[in-house]
Amino acid sequence: MSDQLSGIFSALADPTRRAMLARLAGGEASVTELAEPFEMSLPAISKHLKVLERAGLITRGREAQWRPCRLEAGPLGAAADWLERYRMFWDSSFDRLDDHLRAIQKGKSDG
């Protein structure tokens, strides 16, 4: 991936990976624990984890036989910062929609 933001959004584009991040937000988990809710093979789960790891969204530790996965939320801040730049655009769009709906309602109540 050419840049961190592209890697983050690419990783977040898949619902399985988003669900894994949501699970890890509650605490560390093994690959087996992360695989439990999904009907897919462990190699397929590992591929998803590698995408998340390359994006910097998770790390894997080593404790004896257990390799816990951990959420690394810091890179999500870069994605949030990027999206924030567009918040003014959609807030403005919603404000215009509110004004339009109020005008329609006022027109109906006036007669």
C-alpha atoms as a PDB file:
ATOM      1  CA  MET A   1       0.000   0.000   0.000  1.00  0.00           C
ATOM      2  CA  SER A   2       1.428   3.318  -1.007  1.00  0.00           C
ATOM      3  CA  ASP A   3       0.314   5.353   1.997  1.00  0.00           C
ATOM      4  CA  GLN A   4      -1.046   4.753   5.475  1.00  0.00           C
ATOM      5  CA  LEU A   5      -4.467   6.275   4.814  1.00  0.00           C
ATOM      6  CA  SER A   6      -5.047   4.051   1.771  1.00  0.00           C
ATOM      7  CA  GLY A   7      -4.073   1.007   3.831  1.00  0.00           C
ATOM      8  CA  ILE A   8      -6.441   1.989   6.627  1.00  0.00           C
ATOM      9  CA  PHE A   9      -9.436   2.569   4.353  1.00  0.00           C
ATOM     10  CA  SER A  10      -8.673  -0.584   2.383  1.00  0.00           C
ATOM     11  CA  ALA A  11      -8.623  -2.578   5.627  1.00  0.00           C
ATOM     12  CA  LEU A  12     -11.852  -0.957   6.821  1.00  0.00           C
ATOM     13  CA  ALA A  13     -13.619  -1.684   3.528  1.00  0.00           C
ATOM     14  CA  ASP A  14     -14.308  -5.283   4.558  1.00  0.00           C
ATOM     15  CA  PRO A  15     -17.087  -6.031   7.104  1.00  0.00           C
ATOM     16  CA  THR A  16     -15.205  -9.030   8.522  1.00  0.00           C
ATOM     17  CA  ARG A  17     -12.219  -6.856   9.325  1.00  0.00           C
ATOM     18  CA  ARG A  18     -14.447  -4.166  10.852  1.00  0.00           C
ATOM     19  CA  ALA A  19     -16.081  -6.829  13.034  1.00  0.00           C
ATOM     20  CA  MET A  20     -12.643  -8.044  14.113  1.00  0.00           C
ATOM     21  CA  LEU A  21     -11.662  -4.499  15.107  1.00  0.00           C
ATOM     22  CA  ALA A  22     -14.911  -4.141  17.042  1.00  0.00           C
ATOM     23  CA  ARG A  23     -14.142  -7.383  18.891  1.00  0.00           C
ATOM     24  CA  LEU A  24     -10.603  -6.221  19.655  1.00  0.00           C
ATOM     25  CA  ALA A  25     -11.942  -2.927  21.015  1.00  0.00           C
ATOM     26  CA  GLY A  26     -13.190  -5.059  23.919  1.00  0.00           C
ATOM     27  CA  GLY A  27      -9.744  -6.539  24.586  1.00  0.00           C
ATOM     28  CA  GLU A  28      -7.083  -8.866  23.261  1.00  0.00           C
ATOM     29  CA  ALA A  29      -8.112 -12.032  21.457  1.00  0.00           C
ATOM     30  CA  SER A  30      -6.442 -15.024  19.857  1.00  0.00           C
ATOM     31  CA  VAL A  31      -6.876 -15.842  16.193  1.00  0.00           C
ATOM     32  CA  THR A  32      -9.191 -18.699  17.175  1.00  0.00           C
ATOM     33  CA  GLU A  33     -11.329 -16.380  19.292  1.00  0.00           C
ATOM     34  CA  LEU A  34     -11.504 -13.855  16.463  1.00  0.00           C
ATOM     35  CA  ALA A  35     -12.516 -16.608  14.039  1.00  0.00           C
ATOM     36  CA  GLU A  36     -15.417 -17.920  16.169  1.00  0.00           C
ATOM     37  CA  PRO A  37     -18.219 -15.724  14.770  1.00  0.00           C
ATOM     38  CA  PHE A  38     -17.238 -16.314  11.149  1.00  0.00           C
ATOM     39  CA  GLU A  39     -17.811 -19.301   8.911  1.00  0.00           C
ATOM     40  CA  MET A  40     -14.425 -19.248   7.263  1.00  0.00           C
ATOM     41  CA  SER A  41     -11.162 -21.129   7.522  1.00  0.00           C
ATOM     42  CA  LEU A  42      -8.343 -20.092   9.845  1.00  0.00           C
ATOM     43  CA  PRO A  43      -6.127 -19.308   6.832  1.00  0.00           C
ATOM     44  CA  ALA A  44      -8.821 -16.914   5.580  1.00  0.00           C
ATOM     45  CA  ILE A  45      -9.008 -15.317   9.036  1.00  0.00           C
ATOM     46  CA  SER A  46      -5.220 -14.981   9.039  1.00  0.00           C
ATOM     47  CA  LYS A  47      -5.351 -13.168   5.691  1.00  0.00           C
ATOM     48  CA  HIS A  48      -7.787 -10.651   7.150  1.00  0.00           C
ATOM     49  CA  LEU A  49      -5.537 -10.191  10.170  1.00  0.00           C
ATOM     50  CA  LYS A  50      -2.518  -9.596   7.938  1.00  0.00           C
ATOM     51  CA  VAL A  51      -4.394  -6.812   6.149  1.00  0.00           C
ATOM     52  CA  LEU A  52      -5.234  -5.224   9.509  1.00  0.00           C
ATOM     53  CA  GLU A  53      -1.644  -5.653  10.671  1.00  0.00           C
ATOM     54  CA  ARG A  54      -0.201  -4.047   7.505  1.00  0.00           C
ATOM     55  CA  ALA A  55      -2.573  -1.101   8.005  1.00  0.00           C
ATOM     56  CA  GLY A  56      -1.207  -0.719  11.538  1.00  0.00           C
ATOM     57  CA  LEU A  57      -4.622  -1.358  13.057  1.00  0.00           C
ATOM     58  CA  ILE A  58      -3.610  -4.435  15.050  1.00  0.00           C
ATOM     59  CA  THR A  59      -0.468  -5.951  16.506  1.00  0.00           C
ATOM     60  CA  ARG A  60       0.192  -9.531  17.487  1.00  0.00           C
ATOM     61  CA  GLY A  61       2.037 -10.355  20.657  1.00  0.00           C
ATOM     62  CA  ARG A  62       3.634 -13.555  21.806  1.00  0.00           C
ATOM     63  CA  GLU A  63       2.959 -15.060  25.193  1.00  0.00           C
ATOM     64  CA  ALA A  64       4.070 -18.728  25.278  1.00  0.00           C
ATOM     65  CA  GLN A  65       1.788 -20.536  22.827  1.00  0.00           C
ATOM     66  CA  TRP A  66      -0.689 -17.674  22.718  1.00  0.00           C
ATOM     67  CA  ARG A  67      -0.353 -14.870  20.151  1.00  0.00           C
ATOM     68  CA  PRO A  68      -2.901 -12.299  21.226  1.00  0.00           C
ATOM     69  CA  CYS A  69      -4.107  -9.719  18.728  1.00  0.00           C
ATOM     70  CA  ARG A  70      -4.443  -6.162  19.978  1.00  0.00           C
ATOM     71  CA  LEU A  71      -6.255  -3.179  18.543  1.00  0.00           C
ATOM     72  CA  GLU A  72      -4.001  -0.263  17.649  1.00  0.00           C
ATOM     73  CA  ALA A  73      -6.503   2.570  17.466  1.00  0.00           C
ATOM     74  CA  GLY A  74      -3.982   5.329  16.784  1.00  0.00           C
ATOM     75  CA  PRO A  75      -4.027   4.995  12.990  1.00  0.00           C
ATOM     76  CA  LEU A  76      -7.817   5.361  13.032  1.00  0.00           C
ATOM     77  CA  GLY A  77      -7.180   8.966  14.061  1.00  0.00           C
ATOM     78  CA  ALA A  78      -5.658   9.641  10.634  1.00  0.00           C
ATOM     79  CA  ALA A  79      -8.843   8.313   9.017  1.00  0.00           C
ATOM     80  CA  ALA A  80     -11.033  10.345  11.369  1.00  0.00           C
ATOM     81  CA  ASP A  81      -8.992  13.490  10.617  1.00  0.00           C
ATOM     82  CA  TRP A  82      -9.414  12.921   6.886  1.00  0.00           C
ATOM     83  CA  LEU A  83     -13.181  12.413   7.224  1.00  0.00           C
ATOM     84  CA  GLU A  84     -13.515  15.449   9.485  1.00  0.00           C
ATOM     85  CA  ARG A  85     -12.477  17.687   6.576  1.00  0.00           C
ATOM     86  CA  TYR A  86     -15.733  16.717   4.857  1.00  0.00           C
ATOM     87  CA  ARG A  87     -17.997  17.079   7.890  1.00  0.00           C
ATOM     88  CA  MET A  88     -18.669  20.737   7.063  1.00  0.00           C
ATOM     89  CA  PHE A  89     -19.896  19.644   3.619  1.00  0.00           C
ATOM     90  CA  TRP A  90     -22.429  17.127   4.872  1.00  0.00           C
ATOM     91  CA  ASP A  91     -23.473  19.295   7.844  1.00  0.00           C
ATOM     92  CA  SER A  92     -24.195  22.079   5.366  1.00  0.00           C
ATOM     93  CA  SER A  93     -26.157  19.659   3.177  1.00  0.00           C
ATOM     94  CA  PHE A  94     -28.279  18.551   6.143  1.00  0.00           C
ATOM     95  CA  ASP A  95     -28.892  22.177   7.142  1.00  0.00           C
ATOM     96  CA  ARG A  96     -30.159  22.946   3.627  1.00  0.00           C
ATOM     97  CA  LEU A  97     -32.364  19.822   3.737  1.00  0.00           C
ATOM     98  CA  ASP A  98     -33.791  20.919   7.118  1.00  0.00           C
ATOM     99  CA  ASP A  99     -34.552  24.377   5.708  1.00  0.00           C
ATOM    100  CA  HIS A 100     -36.237  22.834   2.680  1.00  0.00           C
ATOM    101  CA  LEU A 101     -38.367  20.453   4.793  1.00  0.00           C
ATOM    102  CA  ARG A 102     -39.415  23.295   7.120  1.00  0.00           C
ATOM    103  CA  ALA A 103     -40.431  25.356   4.099  1.00  0.00           C
ATOM    104  CA  ILE A 104     -42.518  22.449   2.760  1.00  0.00           C
ATOM    105  CA  GLN A 105     -44.180  21.914   6.157  1.00  0.00           C
ATOM    106  CA  LYS A 106     -44.869  25.630   6.526  1.00  0.00           C
ATOM    107  CA  GLY A 107     -46.412  25.679   3.063  1.00  0.00           C
ATOM    108  CA  LYS A 108     -48.732  22.798   3.999  1.00  0.00           C
ATOM    109  CA  SER A 109     -49.758  24.415   7.277  1.00  0.00           C
ATOM    110  CA  ASP A 110     -50.376  27.807   5.598  1.00  0.00           C
ATOM    111  CA  GLY A 111     -52.752  26.376   3.247  1.00  0.00           C
END
